[in-house]
C-alpha atoms as a PDB file:
ATOM      1  CA  UNK A   1      -9.883  -2.674  13.831  1.00  0.00           C
ATOM      2  CA  UNK A   2     -11.403   0.397  15.516  1.00  0.00           C
ATOM      3  CA  UNK A   3     -11.833  -0.067  19.234  1.00  0.00           C
ATOM      4  CA  UNK A   4     -14.926   2.065  20.370  1.00  0.00           C
ATOM      5  CA  UNK A   5     -14.858   1.689  24.248  1.00  0.00           C
ATOM      6  CA  UNK A   6     -15.057  -1.920  24.766  1.00  0.00           C
ATOM      7  CA  UNK A   7     -16.793  -3.068  21.313  1.00  0.00           C
ATOM      8  CA  UNK A   8     -14.888  -3.830  18.271  1.00  0.00           C
ATOM      9  CA  UNK A   9     -15.709  -2.661  15.125  1.00  0.00           C
ATOM     10  CA  UNK A  10     -14.662  -4.372  11.591  1.00  0.00           C
ATOM     11  CA  UNK A  11     -14.888  -2.781   7.923  1.00  0.00           C
ATOM     12  CA  UNK A  12     -17.029  -4.832   6.002  1.00  0.00           C
ATOM     13  CA  UNK A  13     -15.682  -6.933   3.181  1.00  0.00           C
ATOM     14  CA  UNK A  14     -16.772  -4.297   0.431  1.00  0.00           C
ATOM     15  CA  UNK A  15     -15.428  -1.514   2.425  1.00  0.00           C
ATOM     16  CA  UNK A  16     -12.234  -3.379   2.805  1.00  0.00           C
ATOM     17  CA  UNK A  17     -12.126  -3.672  -1.250  1.00  0.00           C
ATOM     18  CA  UNK A  18     -12.919  -0.132  -1.849  1.00  0.00           C
ATOM     19  CA  UNK A  19     -10.298   0.624   0.445  1.00  0.00           C
ATOM     20  CA  UNK A  20      -7.589  -1.424  -1.161  1.00  0.00           C
ATOM     21  CA  UNK A  21      -8.418  -0.320  -4.308  1.00  0.00           C
ATOM     22  CA  UNK A  22      -8.162   3.325  -3.562  1.00  0.00           C
ATOM     23  CA  UNK A  23      -4.778   2.621  -1.939  1.00  0.00           C
ATOM     24  CA  UNK A  24      -3.629   0.733  -5.061  1.00  0.00           C
ATOM     25  CA  UNK A  25      -0.566   2.803  -6.065  1.00  0.00           C
ATOM     26  CA  UNK A  26       0.447   3.314  -2.441  1.00  0.00           C
ATOM     27  CA  UNK A  27       0.273  -0.683  -1.952  1.00  0.00           C
ATOM     28  CA  UNK A  28       2.349  -1.099  -5.160  1.00  0.00           C
ATOM     29  CA  UNK A  29       5.083   1.231  -3.908  1.00  0.00           C
ATOM     30  CA  UNK A  30       5.018  -0.506  -0.547  1.00  0.00           C
ATOM     31  CA  UNK A  31       5.509  -3.709  -2.571  1.00  0.00           C
ATOM     32  CA  UNK A  32       8.728  -2.068  -4.346  1.00  0.00           C
ATOM     33  CA  UNK A  33       9.873  -0.850  -1.050  1.00  0.00           C
ATOM     34  CA  UNK A  34       9.857  -4.336   0.679  1.00  0.00           C
ATOM     35  CA  UNK A  35      11.579  -5.820  -2.729  1.00  0.00           C
ATOM     36  CA  UNK A  36      14.574  -3.014  -2.488  1.00  0.00           C
ATOM     37  CA  UNK A  37      14.816  -2.969   1.057  1.00  0.00           C
ATOM     38  CA  UNK A  38      18.377  -3.996   2.199  1.00  0.00           C
ATOM     39  CA  UNK A  39      17.194  -4.603   5.964  1.00  0.00           C
ATOM     40  CA  UNK A  40      14.841  -7.448   5.721  1.00  0.00           C
ATOM     41  CA  UNK A  41      15.347 -10.976   4.940  1.00  0.00           C
ATOM     42  CA  UNK A  42      13.599 -12.876   2.297  1.00  0.00           C
ATOM     43  CA  UNK A  43      11.300 -14.467   5.022  1.00  0.00           C
ATOM     44  CA  UNK A  44      10.371 -10.998   6.437  1.00  0.00           C
ATOM     45  CA  UNK A  45       9.381  -9.806   3.021  1.00  0.00           C
ATOM     46  CA  UNK A  46       7.478 -12.789   2.528  1.00  0.00           C
ATOM     47  CA  UNK A  47       5.695 -12.386   5.620  1.00  0.00           C
ATOM     48  CA  UNK A  48       4.752  -8.719   4.805  1.00  0.00           C
ATOM     49  CA  UNK A  49       3.414  -9.692   1.407  1.00  0.00           C
ATOM     50  CA  UNK A  50       1.349 -12.768   2.673  1.00  0.00           C
ATOM     51  CA  UNK A  51      -0.315 -10.016   5.415  1.00  0.00           C
ATOM     52  CA  UNK A  52      -1.094  -7.853   2.551  1.00  0.00           C
ATOM     53  CA  UNK A  53      -2.413 -10.663   0.650  1.00  0.00           C
ATOM     54  CA  UNK A  54      -4.798 -11.175   3.503  1.00  0.00           C
ATOM     55  CA  UNK A  55      -5.782  -7.721   3.389  1.00  0.00           C
ATOM     56  CA  UNK A  56      -5.997  -6.675  -0.122  1.00  0.00           C
ATOM     57  CA  UNK A  57      -5.404  -9.537  -2.347  1.00  0.00           C
ATOM     58  CA  UNK A  58      -6.429  -8.160  -5.749  1.00  0.00           C
ATOM     59  CA  UNK A  59      -3.588  -5.291  -5.088  1.00  0.00           C
ATOM     60  CA  UNK A  60      -1.102  -7.833  -3.878  1.00  0.00           C
ATOM     61  CA  UNK A  61      -0.974  -9.642  -6.897  1.00  0.00           C
ATOM     62  CA  UNK A  62      -1.513  -6.783  -9.430  1.00  0.00           C
ATOM     63  CA  UNK A  63       1.475  -4.840 -10.958  1.00  0.00           C
ATOM     64  CA  UNK A  64      -0.502  -1.879 -12.244  1.00  0.00           C
ATOM     65  CA  UNK A  65      -3.580  -0.183 -11.034  1.00  0.00           C
ATOM     66  CA  UNK A  66      -6.919   1.432 -12.733  1.00  0.00           C
ATOM     67  CA  UNK A  67      -5.509   4.817 -11.903  1.00  0.00           C
ATOM     68  CA  UNK A  68      -2.103   5.725 -12.772  1.00  0.00           C
ATOM     69  CA  UNK A  69       0.593   6.903 -10.419  1.00  0.00           C
ATOM     70  CA  UNK A  70       0.322  10.706  -9.690  1.00  0.00           C
ATOM     71  CA  UNK A  71       3.179  12.743 -11.270  1.00  0.00           C
ATOM     72  CA  UNK A  72       4.812  14.842  -8.204  1.00  0.00           C
ATOM     73  CA  UNK A  73       7.783  16.085  -9.645  1.00  0.00           C
ATOM     74  CA  UNK A  74       6.631  19.599  -9.979  1.00  0.00           C
ATOM     75  CA  UNK A  75       5.527  19.450  -6.290  1.00  0.00           C
ATOM     76  CA  UNK A  76       9.014  18.036  -5.036  1.00  0.00           C
ATOM     77  CA  UNK A  77      10.638  20.865  -7.090  1.00  0.00           C
ATOM     78  CA  UNK A  78       8.331  23.490  -5.623  1.00  0.00           C
ATOM     79  CA  UNK A  79       8.543  22.095  -2.012  1.00  0.00           C
ATOM     80  CA  UNK A  80      11.952  20.662  -1.603  1.00  0.00           C
ATOM     81  CA  UNK A  81      13.880  22.170  -4.720  1.00  0.00           C
ATOM     82  CA  UNK A  82      14.732  18.937  -5.987  1.00  0.00           C
ATOM     83  CA  UNK A  83      15.916  18.695  -9.844  1.00  0.00           C
ATOM     84  CA  UNK A  84      14.019  16.650 -12.403  1.00  0.00           C
END
């Protein structure tokens, strides 16, 4: 929801679907972080997944995306000195 003065603007269903599809890899990473978190209990993880299902149901259920996860290994090595 974007606030423009006192009027609220919502994304259309089609725009939401397009944004969710473009964010598919990020959503998969988010789900992985939720599953691996040690500071969230099962109920909190499930609540986050339920909220994701309301926003991006296709990506919430998916385990892979149409576009492969980008390989950022070289970028990390160059910018942070991480070893592969």
